[in-house]
Amino acid sequence: MGVTDSPERAWLVWAQRKRRPHPGAPPPADLLEELASLVTAAGGIVAGTRPQPLSRENPATLIGSGTIASLRETVQQNDVDLVVFQNLLRPNQQANLERELGVKVLDRREVILDIFARRAHSREGKLQVELAQL
């Protein structure tokens, strides 16, 4: 999603670690619903969602190779332009996922920054968004 781009079809993913949630943590469905609202506010179209159980994090891609293969198929079958993770991704994970999936990959933080960029009108506001994106 970019400030001047036409709407992109996004597939939302949350790699949920298999452990007890913190007391008071929102249910997974609520988190994906919130992410869908953020993507819509940023100008995207939500094509679908995928909560993904995660037994352990792959340092290179966050998710395992089987999940990547399944997600790649989903992306192709649903004409998806963008995969958005609820999880925060490290730069190497994002780059590896983009290479494996063949589409742009963002995390929640980048979607929020895109919303700010769309709504920043003053020079100072635009500079603050640029700084945050670094």
Foldseek 3Di string as FASTA:
>chain_A
DALPDAAFEEEEEEAAEPDDDDVPDDDPVVLVVVLCVLSVLLNYHYQYYYYHYDPDQDLQAGDDPVVLVVVLVVCVVRVGQEYEYQDDDDPRNQVVSCVSNVHHYYYSVVSVLSSQCNPDDDPVSNVVSVVVVD
